[in-house]
Amino acid sequence: MKLKYTKLQLALEIIGLLFLVGMIVFIYTQWDQIPQQVPMHYNALGEIDSWGSKYQTLILPTISILLYIFMTVVSFFPQIWNVPVQITDENKEAVYLSTKNLIIFMKVEILAMFFYLNYHTVTAQPLSIIFLPIFMIIIFGTVIFFIVRTIRLGNEKKHNREL
């Protein structure tokens, strides 16, 4: 089944690409000002607890590019997705659309987080103490929302078929 992009999905893809390109452009424009030692790891309180070479600032954008490509490719193959409901002809489109939305939302949220981490790494700043809790709430909130939504959509279509 081929799923076309909705306007929301296209807008999110553009936002994700802006985070990705922004991360790369930021490193490029700041390269001469990046200190030789930059933060490489932060603890749960956002404090820097490991340092590395400025060349290691290229790791996060590389991971981001690979993640973006992987999640984009996966979004084109709904038949390989593990969904929490049984797929039927009646619920297929709604369930796949909801699951594709989950993948795209997660991609943008992760890229936003990587952009934020990259900014703080390049500028050698600690993270905010609320970074981790907020990020966890956003990620788990998104997953829970879309799983519940997908189950409801799948069961709603199943219930309508039984009537």
N, C-alpha and C. Protein backbone atom coordinates (compact mmCIF):
# COMPACT_ATOMS: atom_id res chain seq x y z
N MET A 1 0.85 -1.18 0.00
CA MET A 1 0.00 0.00 0.00
C MET A 1 0.89 1.24 0.00
N LYS A 2 0.64 2.11 -0.93
CA LYS A 2 1.42 3.34 -1.03
C LYS A 2 0.69 4.46 -0.29
N LEU A 3 1.39 5.02 0.69
CA LEU A 3 0.82 6.11 1.49
C LEU A 3 1.36 7.44 0.99
N LYS A 4 0.46 8.32 0.60
CA LYS A 4 0.88 9.66 0.19
C LYS A 4 1.06 10.52 1.43
N TYR A 5 1.93 11.52 1.29
CA TYR A 5 2.15 12.44 2.40
C TYR A 5 0.96 13.37 2.55
N THR A 6 0.57 13.58 3.81
CA THR A 6 -0.44 14.60 4.11
C THR A 6 0.28 15.94 4.24
N LYS A 7 -0.48 17.02 4.31
CA LYS A 7 0.13 18.34 4.48
C LYS A 7 0.90 18.42 5.80
N LEU A 8 0.33 17.83 6.86
CA LEU A 8 1.02 17.81 8.15
C LEU A 8 2.34 17.06 8.05
N GLN A 9 2.32 15.91 7.41
CA GLN A 9 3.54 15.11 7.27
C GLN A 9 4.60 15.85 6.45
N LEU A 10 4.18 16.51 5.38
CA LEU A 10 5.13 17.30 4.59
C LEU A 10 5.73 18.43 5.41
N ALA A 11 4.89 19.12 6.18
CA ALA A 11 5.38 20.21 7.04
C ALA A 11 6.39 19.68 8.05
N LEU A 12 6.09 18.53 8.66
CA LEU A 12 7.01 17.93 9.62
C LEU A 12 8.32 17.50 8.97
N GLU A 13 8.24 16.96 7.76
CA GLU A 13 9.46 16.57 7.04
C GLU A 13 10.34 17.79 6.77
N ILE A 14 9.72 18.90 6.40
CA ILE A 14 10.48 20.13 6.16
C ILE A 14 11.13 20.62 7.45
N ILE A 15 10.39 20.57 8.55
CA ILE A 15 10.94 20.97 9.85
C ILE A 15 12.12 20.07 10.23
N GLY A 16 11.97 18.77 10.02
CA GLY A 16 13.05 17.83 10.31
C GLY A 16 14.29 18.14 9.46
N LEU A 17 14.09 18.40 8.18
CA LEU A 17 15.21 18.75 7.31
C LEU A 17 15.87 20.05 7.74
N LEU A 18 15.07 21.01 8.20
CA LEU A 18 15.64 22.27 8.69
C LEU A 18 16.52 22.05 9.91
N PHE A 19 16.07 21.18 10.83
CA PHE A 19 16.91 20.85 11.99
C PHE A 19 18.22 20.20 11.53
N LEU A 20 18.12 19.28 10.59
CA LEU A 20 19.28 18.55 10.10
C LEU A 20 20.26 19.50 9.39
N VAL A 21 19.75 20.28 8.47
CA VAL A 21 20.60 21.23 7.74
C VAL A 21 21.14 22.29 8.70
N GLY A 22 20.29 22.74 9.62
CA GLY A 22 20.72 23.74 10.59
C GLY A 22 21.88 23.25 11.44
N MET A 23 21.83 22.00 11.82
CA MET A 23 22.91 21.41 12.62
C MET A 23 24.22 21.43 11.84
N ILE A 24 24.15 21.04 10.58
CA ILE A 24 25.35 20.98 9.74
C ILE A 24 25.88 22.40 9.47
N VAL A 25 24.99 23.30 9.13
CA VAL A 25 25.40 24.68 8.85
C VAL A 25 25.99 25.33 10.11
N PHE A 26 25.39 25.06 11.26
CA PHE A 26 25.89 25.64 12.51
C PHE A 26 27.33 25.19 12.78
N ILE A 27 27.58 23.89 12.63
CA ILE A 27 28.95 23.40 12.85
C ILE A 27 29.90 24.03 11.83
N TYR A 28 29.47 24.09 10.59
CA TYR A 28 30.33 24.65 9.54
C TYR A 28 30.68 26.11 9.82
N THR A 29 29.68 26.90 10.20
CA THR A 29 29.93 28.33 10.42
C THR A 29 30.69 28.59 11.71
N GLN A 30 30.61 27.68 12.67
CA GLN A 30 31.26 27.87 13.96
C GLN A 30 32.59 27.13 14.09
N TRP A 31 33.00 26.40 13.05
CA TRP A 31 34.14 25.50 13.16
C TRP A 31 35.39 26.17 13.74
N ASP A 32 35.72 27.36 13.29
CA ASP A 32 36.93 28.03 13.78
C ASP A 32 36.80 28.47 15.24
N GLN A 33 35.58 28.65 15.72
CA GLN A 33 35.38 29.08 17.11
C GLN A 33 35.16 27.91 18.07
N ILE A 34 35.00 26.71 17.55
CA ILE A 34 34.77 25.56 18.42
C ILE A 34 36.07 25.27 19.18
N PRO A 35 35.97 25.15 20.51
CA PRO A 35 37.19 24.84 21.28
C PRO A 35 37.73 23.45 20.92
N GLN A 36 39.01 23.24 21.18
CA GLN A 36 39.64 21.95 20.87
C GLN A 36 39.03 20.81 21.69
N GLN A 37 38.56 21.11 22.91
CA GLN A 37 37.90 20.14 23.76
C GLN A 37 36.43 20.56 23.91
N VAL A 38 35.53 19.66 23.57
CA VAL A 38 34.10 19.94 23.66
C VAL A 38 33.41 18.86 24.50
N PRO A 39 32.25 19.16 25.06
CA PRO A 39 31.52 18.15 25.82
C PRO A 39 31.12 16.98 24.93
N MET A 40 31.30 15.78 25.42
CA MET A 40 30.89 14.59 24.68
C MET A 40 29.80 13.82 25.40
N HIS A 41 29.60 14.10 26.66
CA HIS A 41 28.56 13.40 27.41
C HIS A 41 28.07 14.29 28.53
N TYR A 42 26.79 14.16 28.81
CA TYR A 42 26.17 14.91 29.89
C TYR A 42 25.50 13.92 30.84
N ASN A 43 25.51 14.21 32.14
CA ASN A 43 24.82 13.34 33.08
C ASN A 43 23.33 13.72 33.12
N ALA A 44 22.57 13.05 33.98
CA ALA A 44 21.12 13.27 34.04
C ALA A 44 20.75 14.68 34.48
N LEU A 45 21.68 15.37 35.12
CA LEU A 45 21.42 16.75 35.55
C LEU A 45 21.84 17.77 34.48
N GLY A 46 22.34 17.27 33.36
CA GLY A 46 22.77 18.16 32.29
C GLY A 46 24.19 18.66 32.42
N GLU A 47 24.91 18.14 33.42
CA GLU A 47 26.30 18.56 33.64
C GLU A 47 27.22 17.79 32.70
N ILE A 48 28.25 18.46 32.23
CA ILE A 48 29.23 17.83 31.35
C ILE A 48 30.07 16.86 32.19
N ASP A 49 30.14 15.60 31.75
CA ASP A 49 30.95 14.64 32.49
C ASP A 49 31.95 13.90 31.61
N SER A 50 32.09 14.33 30.35
CA SER A 50 33.10 13.75 29.48
C SER A 50 33.41 14.76 28.37
N TRP A 51 34.69 14.84 28.02
CA TRP A 51 35.14 15.79 27.00
C TRP A 51 35.81 15.03 25.87
N GLY A 52 35.80 15.64 24.68
CA GLY A 52 36.44 15.02 23.53
C GLY A 52 36.93 16.08 22.56
N SER A 53 37.49 15.61 21.46
CA SER A 53 38.02 16.49 20.42
C SER A 53 36.90 17.21 19.69
N LYS A 54 37.19 18.37 19.16
CA LYS A 54 36.18 19.11 18.41
C LYS A 54 35.72 18.33 17.18
N TYR A 55 36.54 17.42 16.68
CA TYR A 55 36.15 16.60 15.54
C TYR A 55 35.01 15.64 15.88
N GLN A 56 34.85 15.37 17.16
CA GLN A 56 33.75 14.51 17.58
C GLN A 56 32.40 15.22 17.47
N THR A 57 32.41 16.53 17.24
CA THR A 57 31.14 17.23 17.02
C THR A 57 30.49 16.79 15.71
N LEU A 58 31.25 16.09 14.87
CA LEU A 58 30.72 15.60 13.60
C LEU A 58 29.94 14.30 13.76
N ILE A 59 30.05 13.67 14.91
CA ILE A 59 29.37 12.39 15.15
C ILE A 59 27.85 12.58 15.17
N LEU A 60 27.38 13.55 15.91
CA LEU A 60 25.93 13.74 16.03
C LEU A 60 25.26 14.08 14.70
N PRO A 61 25.81 14.97 13.88
CA PRO A 61 25.20 15.20 12.57
C PRO A 61 25.23 13.95 11.68
N THR A 62 26.30 13.16 11.78
CA THR A 62 26.37 11.93 10.99
C THR A 62 25.29 10.95 11.42
N ILE A 63 25.12 10.77 12.72
CA ILE A 63 24.05 9.91 13.23
C ILE A 63 22.70 10.45 12.81
N SER A 64 22.54 11.76 12.85
CA SER A 64 21.27 12.39 12.46
C SER A 64 20.94 12.13 11.00
N ILE A 65 21.93 12.24 10.14
CA ILE A 65 21.71 11.97 8.71
C ILE A 65 21.30 10.52 8.51
N LEU A 66 22.02 9.60 9.13
CA LEU A 66 21.69 8.17 8.99
C LEU A 66 20.30 7.87 9.55
N LEU A 67 19.98 8.45 10.69
CA LEU A 67 18.67 8.26 11.29
C LEU A 67 17.56 8.81 10.39
N TYR A 68 17.79 9.99 9.85
CA TYR A 68 16.80 10.61 8.96
C TYR A 68 16.54 9.71 7.75
N ILE A 69 17.62 9.24 7.13
CA ILE A 69 17.47 8.37 5.95
C ILE A 69 16.76 7.08 6.33
N PHE A 70 17.19 6.44 7.41
CA PHE A 70 16.58 5.18 7.83
C PHE A 70 15.09 5.34 8.11
N MET A 71 14.73 6.34 8.91
CA MET A 71 13.32 6.52 9.27
C MET A 71 12.47 6.92 8.07
N THR A 72 13.06 7.66 7.14
CA THR A 72 12.33 8.03 5.93
C THR A 72 12.07 6.80 5.07
N VAL A 73 13.08 5.96 4.90
CA VAL A 73 12.91 4.74 4.10
C VAL A 73 11.88 3.82 4.76
N VAL A 74 11.97 3.64 6.07
CA VAL A 74 11.03 2.77 6.79
C VAL A 74 9.59 3.28 6.63
N SER A 75 9.41 4.58 6.56
CA SER A 75 8.06 5.13 6.46
C SER A 75 7.38 4.76 5.14
N PHE A 76 8.15 4.31 4.14
CA PHE A 76 7.58 3.92 2.85
C PHE A 76 7.17 2.44 2.79
N PHE A 77 7.41 1.69 3.85
CA PHE A 77 7.12 0.26 3.84
C PHE A 77 6.23 -0.13 5.01
N PRO A 78 4.94 0.23 4.95
CA PRO A 78 4.05 -0.06 6.08
C PRO A 78 3.88 -1.54 6.36
N GLN A 79 4.10 -2.39 5.40
CA GLN A 79 3.94 -3.82 5.61
C GLN A 79 4.96 -4.40 6.59
N ILE A 80 6.06 -3.68 6.85
CA ILE A 80 7.05 -4.19 7.79
C ILE A 80 6.86 -3.63 9.20
N TRP A 81 5.91 -2.71 9.37
CA TRP A 81 5.69 -2.11 10.68
C TRP A 81 4.98 -3.10 11.61
N ASN A 82 5.37 -3.06 12.84
CA ASN A 82 4.72 -3.86 13.87
C ASN A 82 3.69 -2.97 14.55
N VAL A 83 2.42 -3.21 14.23
CA VAL A 83 1.35 -2.38 14.78
C VAL A 83 0.55 -3.15 15.82
N PRO A 84 -0.06 -2.44 16.78
CA PRO A 84 -0.72 -3.12 17.89
C PRO A 84 -2.14 -3.64 17.60
N VAL A 85 -2.54 -3.64 16.34
CA VAL A 85 -3.86 -4.16 15.97
C VAL A 85 -3.71 -5.03 14.73
N GLN A 86 -4.70 -5.86 14.52
CA GLN A 86 -4.69 -6.68 13.31
C GLN A 86 -5.12 -5.81 12.13
N ILE A 87 -4.35 -5.89 11.07
CA ILE A 87 -4.64 -5.09 9.88
C ILE A 87 -5.69 -5.80 9.04
N THR A 88 -6.74 -5.05 8.72
CA THR A 88 -7.79 -5.54 7.84
C THR A 88 -7.94 -4.56 6.69
N ASP A 89 -8.72 -4.94 5.69
CA ASP A 89 -8.96 -4.02 4.58
C ASP A 89 -9.65 -2.74 5.07
N GLU A 90 -10.49 -2.87 6.10
CA GLU A 90 -11.24 -1.72 6.60
C GLU A 90 -10.37 -0.74 7.40
N ASN A 91 -9.40 -1.24 8.15
CA ASN A 91 -8.63 -0.34 9.01
C ASN A 91 -7.24 -0.03 8.48
N LYS A 92 -6.84 -0.67 7.39
CA LYS A 92 -5.47 -0.56 6.88
C LYS A 92 -5.04 0.89 6.68
N GLU A 93 -5.83 1.67 5.98
CA GLU A 93 -5.42 3.04 5.67
C GLU A 93 -5.29 3.90 6.93
N ALA A 94 -6.26 3.81 7.83
CA ALA A 94 -6.24 4.62 9.06
C ALA A 94 -5.08 4.21 9.97
N VAL A 95 -4.86 2.91 10.12
CA VAL A 95 -3.79 2.43 10.99
C VAL A 95 -2.43 2.80 10.42
N TYR A 96 -2.24 2.61 9.12
CA TYR A 96 -0.97 2.95 8.50
C TYR A 96 -0.71 4.46 8.53
N LEU A 97 -1.74 5.25 8.33
CA LEU A 97 -1.57 6.71 8.41
C LEU A 97 -1.15 7.13 9.81
N SER A 98 -1.79 6.57 10.82
CA SER A 98 -1.45 6.89 12.20
C SER A 98 -0.01 6.47 12.52
N THR A 99 0.38 5.31 12.06
CA THR A 99 1.73 4.81 12.32
C THR A 99 2.78 5.63 11.57
N LYS A 100 2.46 6.03 10.35
CA LYS A 100 3.38 6.88 9.60
C LYS A 100 3.54 8.23 10.32
N ASN A 101 2.45 8.75 10.86
CA ASN A 101 2.53 9.99 11.64
C ASN A 101 3.46 9.80 12.83
N LEU A 102 3.36 8.67 13.52
CA LEU A 102 4.24 8.39 14.65
C LEU A 102 5.70 8.43 14.22
N ILE A 103 6.02 7.77 13.13
CA ILE A 103 7.41 7.72 12.65
C ILE A 103 7.91 9.13 12.34
N ILE A 104 7.10 9.92 11.67
CA ILE A 104 7.54 11.26 11.27
C ILE A 104 7.65 12.17 12.48
N PHE A 105 6.69 12.11 13.41
CA PHE A 105 6.78 12.92 14.63
C PHE A 105 8.04 12.56 15.42
N MET A 106 8.30 11.26 15.56
CA MET A 106 9.48 10.82 16.30
C MET A 106 10.76 11.31 15.61
N LYS A 107 10.79 11.24 14.30
CA LYS A 107 11.96 11.69 13.56
C LYS A 107 12.24 13.17 13.84
N VAL A 108 11.20 13.99 13.79
CA VAL A 108 11.37 15.43 14.03
C VAL A 108 11.77 15.70 15.48
N GLU A 109 11.16 15.00 16.42
CA GLU A 109 11.50 15.21 17.83
C GLU A 109 12.95 14.82 18.12
N ILE A 110 13.39 13.72 17.56
CA ILE A 110 14.77 13.27 17.77
C ILE A 110 15.75 14.24 17.10
N LEU A 111 15.43 14.70 15.91
CA LEU A 111 16.30 15.66 15.24
C LEU A 111 16.35 16.98 16.01
N ALA A 112 15.24 17.39 16.58
CA ALA A 112 15.22 18.61 17.40
C ALA A 112 16.12 18.43 18.63
N MET A 113 16.03 17.25 19.26
CA MET A 113 16.86 16.98 20.42
C MET A 113 18.34 16.95 20.03
N PHE A 114 18.66 16.33 18.90
CA PHE A 114 20.04 16.29 18.43
C PHE A 114 20.54 17.69 18.10
N PHE A 115 19.69 18.52 17.52
CA PHE A 115 20.06 19.90 17.22
C PHE A 115 20.42 20.63 18.52
N TYR A 116 19.57 20.46 19.53
CA TYR A 116 19.79 21.10 20.84
C TYR A 116 21.10 20.60 21.46
N LEU A 117 21.31 19.29 21.44
CA LEU A 117 22.55 18.72 21.97
C LEU A 117 23.77 19.22 21.20
N ASN A 118 23.64 19.26 19.89
CA ASN A 118 24.73 19.73 19.05
C ASN A 118 25.08 21.19 19.36
N TYR A 119 24.08 22.02 19.54
CA TYR A 119 24.31 23.43 19.87
C TYR A 119 25.11 23.54 21.18
N HIS A 120 24.67 22.79 22.18
CA HIS A 120 25.35 22.85 23.47
C HIS A 120 26.75 22.24 23.43
N THR A 121 26.94 21.25 22.59
CA THR A 121 28.26 20.65 22.44
C THR A 121 29.21 21.63 21.75
N VAL A 122 28.77 22.21 20.65
CA VAL A 122 29.62 23.14 19.89
C VAL A 122 29.97 24.37 20.72
N THR A 123 29.02 24.84 21.52
CA THR A 123 29.27 26.03 22.34
C THR A 123 29.83 25.67 23.72
N ALA A 124 30.06 24.38 23.97
CA ALA A 124 30.64 23.87 25.23
C ALA A 124 29.84 24.32 26.46
N GLN A 125 28.53 24.21 26.37
CA GLN A 125 27.65 24.58 27.47
C GLN A 125 26.99 23.35 28.08
N PRO A 126 26.74 23.38 29.38
CA PRO A 126 25.96 22.29 29.99
C PRO A 126 24.51 22.38 29.52
N LEU A 127 23.80 21.28 29.67
CA LEU A 127 22.38 21.25 29.33
C LEU A 127 21.56 21.77 30.50
N SER A 128 20.35 22.17 30.22
CA SER A 128 19.43 22.56 31.27
C SER A 128 19.06 21.32 32.08
N ILE A 129 18.82 21.50 33.36
CA ILE A 129 18.45 20.38 34.23
C ILE A 129 17.10 19.77 33.81
N ILE A 130 16.28 20.55 33.13
CA ILE A 130 14.96 20.03 32.71
C ILE A 130 14.99 19.40 31.32
N PHE A 131 16.16 19.39 30.65
CA PHE A 131 16.25 18.81 29.31
C PHE A 131 15.80 17.36 29.28
N LEU A 132 16.38 16.53 30.11
CA LEU A 132 16.07 15.10 30.08
C LEU A 132 14.61 14.81 30.41
N PRO A 133 14.05 15.38 31.49
CA PRO A 133 12.63 15.09 31.76
C PRO A 133 11.70 15.57 30.64
N ILE A 134 11.98 16.74 30.09
CA ILE A 134 11.12 17.24 29.02
C ILE A 134 11.23 16.36 27.78
N PHE A 135 12.45 15.99 27.42
CA PHE A 135 12.63 15.14 26.26
C PHE A 135 11.93 13.79 26.45
N MET A 136 12.07 13.20 27.63
CA MET A 136 11.42 11.91 27.90
C MET A 136 9.90 12.02 27.84
N ILE A 137 9.36 13.09 28.39
CA ILE A 137 7.91 13.29 28.34
C ILE A 137 7.44 13.43 26.89
N ILE A 138 8.17 14.19 26.10
CA ILE A 138 7.78 14.39 24.70
C ILE A 138 7.84 13.07 23.93
N ILE A 139 8.94 12.34 24.05
CA ILE A 139 9.10 11.09 23.30
C ILE A 139 8.07 10.04 23.74
N PHE A 140 8.00 9.78 25.06
CA PHE A 140 7.06 8.77 25.53
C PHE A 140 5.61 9.21 25.33
N GLY A 141 5.36 10.51 25.47
CA GLY A 141 4.01 11.02 25.22
C GLY A 141 3.58 10.79 23.78
N THR A 142 4.49 11.03 22.85
CA THR A 142 4.19 10.81 21.44
C THR A 142 3.92 9.34 21.16
N VAL A 143 4.79 8.47 21.68
CA VAL A 143 4.61 7.03 21.46
C VAL A 143 3.29 6.55 22.04
N ILE A 144 3.00 6.93 23.26
CA ILE A 144 1.75 6.50 23.91
C ILE A 144 0.54 7.04 23.15
N PHE A 145 0.58 8.32 22.79
CA PHE A 145 -0.54 8.92 22.06
C PHE A 145 -0.83 8.15 20.78
N PHE A 146 0.22 7.89 19.97
CA PHE A 146 -0.02 7.23 18.69
C PHE A 146 -0.35 5.75 18.83
N ILE A 147 0.17 5.08 19.84
CA ILE A 147 -0.22 3.68 20.05
C ILE A 147 -1.69 3.61 20.42
N VAL A 148 -2.12 4.44 21.36
CA VAL A 148 -3.54 4.46 21.75
C VAL A 148 -4.41 4.83 20.55
N ARG A 149 -3.98 5.83 19.81
CA ARG A 149 -4.75 6.27 18.63
C ARG A 149 -4.85 5.15 17.59
N THR A 150 -3.76 4.47 17.35
CA THR A 150 -3.75 3.38 16.37
C THR A 150 -4.65 2.24 16.82
N ILE A 151 -4.60 1.91 18.10
CA ILE A 151 -5.47 0.84 18.62
C ILE A 151 -6.94 1.23 18.46
N ARG A 152 -7.25 2.47 18.82
CA ARG A 152 -8.64 2.94 18.67
C ARG A 152 -9.09 2.91 17.22
N LEU A 153 -8.24 3.39 16.33
CA LEU A 153 -8.61 3.38 14.91
C LEU A 153 -8.79 1.95 14.39
N GLY A 154 -7.89 1.07 14.78
CA GLY A 154 -7.99 -0.32 14.35
C GLY A 154 -9.23 -1.01 14.89
N ASN A 155 -9.53 -0.77 16.17
CA ASN A 155 -10.71 -1.39 16.77
C ASN A 155 -12.00 -0.74 16.30
N GLU A 156 -11.96 0.56 16.02
CA GLU A 156 -13.16 1.26 15.52
C GLU A 156 -13.58 0.69 14.18
N LYS A 157 -12.63 0.49 13.30
CA LYS A 157 -12.92 -0.07 11.98
C LYS A 157 -13.39 -1.52 12.12
N LYS A 158 -12.80 -2.24 13.08
CA LYS A 158 -13.20 -3.64 13.32
C LYS A 158 -14.62 -3.68 13.85
N HIS A 159 -14.94 -2.76 14.78
CA HIS A 159 -16.28 -2.70 15.36
C HIS A 159 -17.31 -2.34 14.29
N ASN A 160 -16.98 -1.40 13.42
CA ASN A 160 -17.90 -1.02 12.35
C ASN A 160 -18.15 -2.18 11.39
N ARG A 161 -17.15 -3.01 11.15
CA ARG A 161 -17.29 -4.16 10.27
C ARG A 161 -18.23 -5.19 10.89
N GLU A 162 -18.17 -5.35 12.21
CA GLU A 162 -19.01 -6.34 12.88
C GLU A 162 -20.47 -5.94 12.92
N LEU A 163 -20.73 -4.65 12.83
CA LEU A 163 -22.13 -4.15 12.85
C LEU A 163 -22.77 -4.41 11.55
